[in-house]
Amino acid sequence: MYTTINFPTKKALKEAVAKGDTVRIYQPGGIFTPPESSSDYTGTAYVEGPHYPKAHSWYATVELINGKVVKVK
């Protein structure tokens, strides 16, 4: 899954979440939509970046509350 903002690094993702930016996640393609990508999901999800077609260079475990990323591990 990806974040709605195409962060170039995991550090950039962490900084955005720490300063209170609204960051959500989604699953591209539309064939399989996991529950983690719903707008009201609360729990753990796994994201990667940067977005395709660039090679993924970072991966993160994130905590979501009501679909918003609140913590990056």
C-alpha atoms as a PDB file:
ATOM      1  CA  MET A   1       0.000   0.000   0.000  1.00  0.00           C
ATOM      2  CA  TYR A   2       1.008   3.598  -0.519  1.00  0.00           C
ATOM      3  CA  THR A   3       0.494   6.865   1.325  1.00  0.00           C
ATOM      4  CA  THR A   4      -1.633   9.490  -0.420  1.00  0.00           C
ATOM      5  CA  ILE A   5       1.424  11.749  -0.519  1.00  0.00           C
ATOM      6  CA  ASN A   6       4.375  10.359  -2.479  1.00  0.00           C
ATOM      7  CA  PHE A   7       7.104  10.633   0.162  1.00  0.00           C
ATOM      8  CA  PRO A   8      10.643  10.114  -1.184  1.00  0.00           C
ATOM      9  CA  THR A   9      11.875   8.734   2.167  1.00  0.00           C
ATOM     10  CA  LYS A  10      10.541   7.159   5.333  1.00  0.00           C
ATOM     11  CA  LYS A  11      12.058  10.090   7.218  1.00  0.00           C
ATOM     12  CA  ALA A  12       9.887  12.516   5.217  1.00  0.00           C
ATOM     13  CA  LEU A  13       6.810  10.449   6.111  1.00  0.00           C
ATOM     14  CA  LYS A  14       7.738  10.492   9.808  1.00  0.00           C
ATOM     15  CA  GLU A  15       8.287  14.253   9.754  1.00  0.00           C
ATOM     16  CA  ALA A  16       4.919  14.918   8.081  1.00  0.00           C
ATOM     17  CA  VAL A  17       3.064  12.781  10.622  1.00  0.00           C
ATOM     18  CA  ALA A  18       4.967  14.377  13.529  1.00  0.00           C
ATOM     19  CA  LYS A  19       3.986  17.892  12.448  1.00  0.00           C
ATOM     20  CA  GLY A  20       0.334  16.875  12.127  1.00  0.00           C
ATOM     21  CA  ASP A  21      -0.140  16.625   8.359  1.00  0.00           C
ATOM     22  CA  THR A  22      -3.078  14.456   7.287  1.00  0.00           C
ATOM     23  CA  VAL A  23      -1.642  11.328   5.721  1.00  0.00           C
ATOM     24  CA  ARG A  24      -3.857   8.486   4.546  1.00  0.00           C
ATOM     25  CA  ILE A  25      -3.107   5.236   2.727  1.00  0.00           C
ATOM     26  CA  TYR A  26      -4.522   3.451  -0.299  1.00  0.00           C
ATOM     27  CA  GLN A  27      -4.144   0.324  -2.383  1.00  0.00           C
ATOM     28  CA  PRO A  28      -3.627   1.097  -6.090  1.00  0.00           C
ATOM     29  CA  GLY A  29      -5.244  -0.986  -8.785  1.00  0.00           C
ATOM     30  CA  GLY A  30      -8.733  -1.414  -7.384  1.00  0.00           C
ATOM     31  CA  ILE A  31      -8.871  -5.201  -7.851  1.00  0.00           C
ATOM     32  CA  PHE A  32      -8.174  -5.992  -4.206  1.00  0.00           C
ATOM     33  CA  THR A  33      -9.089  -3.392  -1.593  1.00  0.00           C
ATOM     34  CA  PRO A  34      -7.845  -4.406   1.852  1.00  0.00           C
ATOM     35  CA  PRO A  35      -9.731  -3.129   4.903  1.00  0.00           C
ATOM     36  CA  GLU A  36      -6.678  -1.094   5.947  1.00  0.00           C
ATOM     37  CA  SER A  37      -7.285   1.306   3.058  1.00  0.00           C
ATOM     38  CA  SER A  38     -10.821   2.233   4.154  1.00  0.00           C
ATOM     39  CA  SER A  39     -11.411   5.768   5.415  1.00  0.00           C
ATOM     40  CA  ASP A  40     -12.507   4.630   8.881  1.00  0.00           C
ATOM     41  CA  TYR A  41      -9.900   1.917   9.568  1.00  0.00           C
ATOM     42  CA  THR A  42      -8.167   1.884  12.954  1.00  0.00           C
ATOM     43  CA  GLY A  43      -5.169  -0.409  13.412  1.00  0.00           C
ATOM     44  CA  THR A  44      -1.850  -1.367  11.824  1.00  0.00           C
ATOM     45  CA  ALA A  45      -0.930  -1.259   8.134  1.00  0.00           C
ATOM     46  CA  TYR A  46       2.192  -1.602   6.012  1.00  0.00           C
ATOM     47  CA  VAL A  47       3.225   0.932   3.381  1.00  0.00           C
ATOM     48  CA  GLU A  48       6.028   1.381   0.883  1.00  0.00           C
ATOM     49  CA  GLY A  49       7.468   4.146  -1.203  1.00  0.00           C
ATOM     50  CA  PRO A  50       8.159   5.993  -3.265  1.00  0.00           C
ATOM     51  CA  HIS A  51       5.256   5.265  -5.606  1.00  0.00           C
ATOM     52  CA  TYR A  52       5.581   3.084  -8.695  1.00  0.00           C
ATOM     53  CA  PRO A  53       7.253   3.359 -11.228  1.00  0.00           C
ATOM     54  CA  LYS A  54      10.186   4.336  -9.011  1.00  0.00           C
ATOM     55  CA  ALA A  55      11.822   1.475  -7.160  1.00  0.00           C
ATOM     56  CA  HIS A  56      10.608   1.117  -3.587  1.00  0.00           C
ATOM     57  CA  SER A  57      13.408   2.187  -1.272  1.00  0.00           C
ATOM     58  CA  TRP A  58      11.566   2.315   2.046  1.00  0.00           C
ATOM     59  CA  TYR A  59       8.935   0.328   3.918  1.00  0.00           C
ATOM     60  CA  ALA A  60       7.096   1.258   7.101  1.00  0.00           C
ATOM     61  CA  THR A  61       4.622  -0.048   9.609  1.00  0.00           C
ATOM     62  CA  VAL A  62       2.046   2.617  10.417  1.00  0.00           C
ATOM     63  CA  GLU A  63      -0.696   3.004  12.986  1.00  0.00           C
ATOM     64  CA  LEU A  64      -3.978   4.499  11.793  1.00  0.00           C
ATOM     65  CA  ILE A  65      -6.926   6.011  13.633  1.00  0.00           C
ATOM     66  CA  ASN A  66     -10.044   6.528  11.504  1.00  0.00           C
ATOM     67  CA  GLY A  67      -7.961   6.149   8.341  1.00  0.00           C
ATOM     68  CA  LYS A  68      -5.349   8.750   9.307  1.00  0.00           C
ATOM     69  CA  VAL A  69      -1.704   7.804   9.926  1.00  0.00           C
ATOM     70  CA  VAL A  70      -0.844   8.778  13.505  1.00  0.00           C
ATOM     71  CA  LYS A  71       2.414   6.874  14.049  1.00  0.00           C
ATOM     72  CA  VAL A  72       5.232   5.537  11.888  1.00  0.00           C
ATOM     73  CA  LYS A  73       7.402   2.696  13.202  1.00  0.00           C
END
